[in-house]
């Protein structure tokens, strides 16, 4: 609590210390959501939060801002936590977004997430974008991996088990279940079978 309070005060020195009571009120609930998430992630130590580990800390700051928003709609402190996450970890993940109970961020730099539909056991790597097109947001089903520099835009449906290869942009299109997705020469998507269950590298399912 003291660590977060010092960061918020230093980055946003408006003297509004009453907001810290809101953080304190929902800190335990936010920690519980974070611990449940990382308990399913193979590469992270269970029940540990390292504030100097960018991916862990950005995950926790999302849960904290989202929990406060769910419970109190306290826009000012939620915005500060959102901006703190953006400043420290380079991720644009708004507090109103409903990410799944379990997700894994490989590297947070350059990730931009819209208010889309996100399925459980989601993997997101750096410079990935999920965005709206004319107000329509994508639907991402469970066990999807977004490798670096991918973009999921508009009326897109990313079906269960899709692995989006590096640099692939999907705009108003659907993928196929349990396939690796590549860019085709003609602008269409190319789907290939998996040789193994890639999602098993990340999560305890």
Protein backbone atom coordinates (compact mmCIF):
# COMPACT_ATOMS: atom_id res chain seq x y z
CA UNK A 1 0.00 0.00 0.00
CA UNK A 2 2.78 2.41 0.93
CA UNK A 3 4.67 1.63 -2.27
CA UNK A 4 1.65 2.41 -4.46
CA UNK A 5 0.84 5.52 -2.43
CA UNK A 6 4.35 6.89 -2.94
CA UNK A 7 4.26 6.24 -6.68
CA UNK A 8 0.84 7.87 -7.15
CA UNK A 9 1.88 10.88 -5.05
CA UNK A 10 5.12 11.37 -7.00
CA UNK A 11 3.61 11.07 -10.46
CA UNK A 12 0.36 12.91 -9.67
CA UNK A 13 1.18 15.48 -6.94
CA UNK A 14 -2.30 16.97 -6.54
CA UNK A 15 -2.39 16.38 -2.78
CA UNK A 16 -5.55 14.27 -2.93
CA UNK A 17 -4.66 11.73 -0.26
CA UNK A 18 -8.30 10.78 0.38
CA UNK A 19 -8.10 8.51 -2.69
CA UNK A 20 -5.67 6.25 -0.84
CA UNK A 21 -8.55 5.08 1.34
CA UNK A 22 -10.20 3.70 -1.79
CA UNK A 23 -7.03 1.83 -2.78
CA UNK A 24 -6.73 0.42 0.73
CA UNK A 25 -10.37 -0.70 0.67
CA UNK A 26 -9.89 -2.87 -2.42
CA UNK A 27 -6.23 -3.85 -2.12
CA UNK A 28 -6.92 -7.32 -0.70
CA UNK A 29 -9.53 -8.11 -3.35
CA UNK A 30 -7.14 -6.98 -6.10
CA UNK A 31 -4.31 -9.08 -4.67
CA UNK A 32 -6.62 -12.10 -4.54
CA UNK A 33 -7.53 -11.68 -8.22
CA UNK A 34 -3.84 -11.33 -9.11
CA UNK A 35 -2.85 -14.42 -7.09
CA UNK A 36 -5.56 -16.51 -8.72
CA UNK A 37 -4.29 -15.44 -12.15
CA UNK A 38 -0.62 -16.21 -11.52
CA UNK A 39 -1.47 -19.51 -9.84
CA UNK A 40 -2.29 -20.75 -13.35
CA UNK A 41 0.89 -19.38 -14.98
CA UNK A 42 3.72 -21.88 -15.22
CA UNK A 43 6.67 -19.48 -15.47
CA UNK A 44 5.78 -17.36 -12.42
CA UNK A 45 6.15 -18.32 -8.79
CA UNK A 46 2.74 -18.81 -7.18
CA UNK A 47 1.55 -16.13 -4.73
CA UNK A 48 4.50 -13.84 -5.47
CA UNK A 49 4.26 -10.25 -6.64
CA UNK A 50 7.55 -8.66 -7.68
CA UNK A 51 6.94 -4.94 -8.16
CA UNK A 52 10.19 -4.74 -10.14
CA UNK A 53 8.97 -7.40 -12.58
CA UNK A 54 7.24 -5.33 -15.24
CA UNK A 55 4.82 -8.01 -16.46
CA UNK A 56 3.77 -8.93 -12.92
CA UNK A 57 3.37 -5.37 -11.74
CA UNK A 58 1.40 -4.26 -14.79
CA UNK A 59 -0.93 -7.23 -14.30
CA UNK A 60 -1.49 -6.26 -10.67
CA UNK A 61 -2.05 -2.56 -11.46
CA UNK A 62 -4.69 -3.56 -14.01
CA UNK A 63 -6.49 -5.71 -11.43
CA UNK A 64 -6.31 -2.91 -8.85
CA UNK A 65 -7.73 -0.24 -11.17
CA UNK A 66 -10.38 -2.60 -12.56
CA UNK A 67 -11.47 -3.78 -9.10
CA UNK A 68 -11.91 -0.22 -7.87
CA UNK A 69 -13.83 0.67 -11.03
CA UNK A 70 -16.13 -2.35 -10.65
CA UNK A 71 -16.88 -1.54 -7.03
CA UNK A 72 -17.00 2.26 -6.85
CA UNK A 73 -16.59 3.79 -10.33
CA UNK A 74 -13.96 6.08 -8.76
CA UNK A 75 -12.79 7.61 -12.02
CA UNK A 76 -10.02 9.86 -10.70
CA UNK A 77 -7.97 7.24 -8.84
CA UNK A 78 -8.66 4.62 -11.53
CA UNK A 79 -7.29 7.02 -14.14
CA UNK A 80 -4.17 7.63 -12.06
CA UNK A 81 -3.56 3.88 -11.73
CA UNK A 82 -4.15 3.42 -15.47
CA UNK A 83 -1.65 6.21 -16.25
CA UNK A 84 0.82 4.84 -13.69
CA UNK A 85 0.71 1.50 -15.48
CA UNK A 86 1.21 3.25 -18.80
CA UNK A 87 4.14 5.31 -17.49
CA UNK A 88 5.96 2.43 -15.80
CA UNK A 89 5.17 -0.48 -18.09
CA UNK A 90 4.27 1.00 -21.48
CA UNK A 91 0.87 -0.68 -21.63
CA UNK A 92 -2.43 0.97 -22.59
CA UNK A 93 -4.95 -1.12 -20.68
CA UNK A 94 -7.93 0.93 -19.52
CA UNK A 95 -9.54 0.15 -16.18
CA UNK A 96 -12.97 -0.40 -17.76
CA UNK A 97 -11.67 -3.29 -19.87
CA UNK A 98 -12.70 -6.73 -18.61
CA UNK A 99 -9.68 -8.96 -19.11
CA UNK A 100 -10.18 -12.63 -18.20
CA UNK A 101 -9.48 -14.21 -14.83
CA UNK A 102 -6.29 -15.75 -16.22
CA UNK A 103 -4.00 -14.07 -18.74
CA UNK A 104 -0.27 -13.74 -19.32
CA UNK A 105 1.64 -10.71 -20.58
CA UNK A 106 4.99 -11.68 -22.06
CA UNK A 107 6.34 -8.13 -22.35
CA UNK A 108 4.10 -5.15 -21.72
CA UNK A 109 5.78 -2.52 -23.91
CA UNK A 110 3.53 -1.23 -26.68
CA UNK A 111 0.43 -3.31 -25.85
CA UNK A 112 -2.82 -1.46 -26.58
CA UNK A 113 -6.11 -3.10 -25.59
CA UNK A 114 -9.60 -1.88 -26.48
CA UNK A 115 -12.83 -2.73 -24.69
CA UNK A 116 -13.24 -6.01 -26.55
CA UNK A 117 -14.35 -9.46 -25.41
CA UNK A 118 -11.45 -11.49 -24.01
CA UNK A 119 -11.49 -15.21 -23.28
CA UNK A 120 -9.62 -16.99 -20.51
CA UNK A 121 -5.99 -18.15 -20.84
CA UNK A 122 -4.99 -15.27 -23.09
CA UNK A 123 -1.33 -14.61 -23.94
CA UNK A 124 -0.26 -11.17 -25.14
CA UNK A 125 3.20 -10.10 -26.26
CA UNK A 126 4.76 -6.68 -26.90
CA UNK A 127 3.40 -4.27 -29.50
CA UNK A 128 0.14 -6.18 -29.85
CA UNK A 129 -3.05 -4.21 -30.49
CA UNK A 130 -6.69 -5.07 -29.98
CA UNK A 131 -8.78 -2.25 -31.39
CA UNK A 132 -12.21 -1.15 -32.54
CA UNK A 133 -13.21 -0.31 -36.09
CA UNK A 134 -16.18 2.06 -36.46
CA UNK A 135 -17.09 1.29 -32.86
CA UNK A 136 -17.06 -2.50 -33.29
CA UNK A 137 -14.64 -4.48 -31.11
CA UNK A 138 -13.22 -7.97 -31.65
CA UNK A 139 -14.19 -11.13 -29.82
CA UNK A 140 -11.27 -13.25 -28.62
CA UNK A 141 -12.13 -16.72 -27.38
CA UNK A 142 -10.18 -18.87 -24.91
CA UNK A 143 -6.56 -20.07 -25.20
CA UNK A 144 -5.45 -17.50 -27.77
CA UNK A 145 -1.83 -16.34 -28.17
CA UNK A 146 -0.98 -12.95 -29.68
CA UNK A 147 2.70 -12.95 -30.60
CA UNK A 148 4.60 -9.64 -31.01
CA UNK A 149 3.39 -6.97 -33.47
CA UNK A 150 -0.04 -8.52 -34.01
CA UNK A 151 -3.24 -6.56 -34.50
CA UNK A 152 -6.83 -7.71 -33.97
CA UNK A 153 -9.20 -5.04 -35.24
CA UNK A 154 -12.93 -4.49 -35.68
CA UNK A 155 -15.48 -7.21 -36.33
CA UNK A 156 -12.96 -10.02 -35.89
CA UNK A 157 -13.58 -13.36 -34.23
CA UNK A 158 -10.47 -15.07 -32.91
CA UNK A 159 -11.60 -18.61 -32.26
CA UNK A 160 -10.50 -20.86 -29.43
CA UNK A 161 -6.91 -22.01 -29.55
CA UNK A 162 -5.81 -19.61 -32.30
CA UNK A 163 -2.10 -18.77 -32.36
CA UNK A 164 -1.56 -15.42 -34.11
CA UNK A 165 1.94 -15.36 -35.58
CA UNK A 166 4.25 -12.38 -35.31
CA UNK A 167 3.26 -9.43 -37.47
CA UNK A 168 -0.18 -10.73 -38.46
CA UNK A 169 -3.02 -8.20 -38.74
CA UNK A 170 -6.61 -9.44 -38.58
CA UNK A 171 -9.20 -6.84 -39.57
CA UNK A 172 -12.88 -7.82 -39.69
CA UNK A 173 -12.03 -11.51 -40.18
CA UNK A 174 -12.40 -14.86 -38.42
CA UNK A 175 -9.78 -17.42 -37.58
CA UNK A 176 -10.16 -21.19 -37.37
CA UNK A 177 -10.11 -23.07 -34.08
CA UNK A 178 -6.77 -24.45 -32.89
CA UNK A 179 -4.78 -23.21 -35.89
CA UNK A 180 -1.63 -21.12 -36.30
CA UNK A 181 -2.46 -17.98 -38.28
CA UNK A 182 -0.12 -16.42 -40.85
CA UNK A 183 -0.36 -13.61 -43.39
CA UNK A 184 -0.99 -14.82 -46.94
CA UNK A 185 0.45 -13.15 -50.04
CA UNK A 186 -3.00 -12.17 -51.31
CA UNK A 187 -4.00 -10.45 -48.07
CA UNK A 188 -5.99 -13.41 -46.81
CA UNK A 189 -5.14 -15.37 -43.70
CA UNK A 190 -3.34 -18.71 -43.91
CA UNK A 191 -4.07 -21.42 -41.34
CA UNK A 192 -1.73 -24.24 -40.42
CA UNK A 193 -2.02 -27.12 -37.97
CA UNK A 194 -0.18 -27.01 -34.67
CA UNK A 195 2.54 -29.58 -34.10
CA UNK A 196 1.98 -29.36 -30.34
CA UNK A 197 -0.31 -27.69 -27.80
CA UNK A 198 1.40 -24.31 -27.49
CA UNK A 199 -0.84 -22.97 -24.73
CA UNK A 200 0.51 -25.68 -22.43
CA UNK A 201 3.82 -23.77 -22.36
CA UNK A 202 2.13 -20.98 -20.44
CA UNK A 203 -0.70 -22.23 -18.25
CA UNK A 204 -1.77 -24.96 -15.88
CA UNK A 205 -5.05 -25.91 -17.53
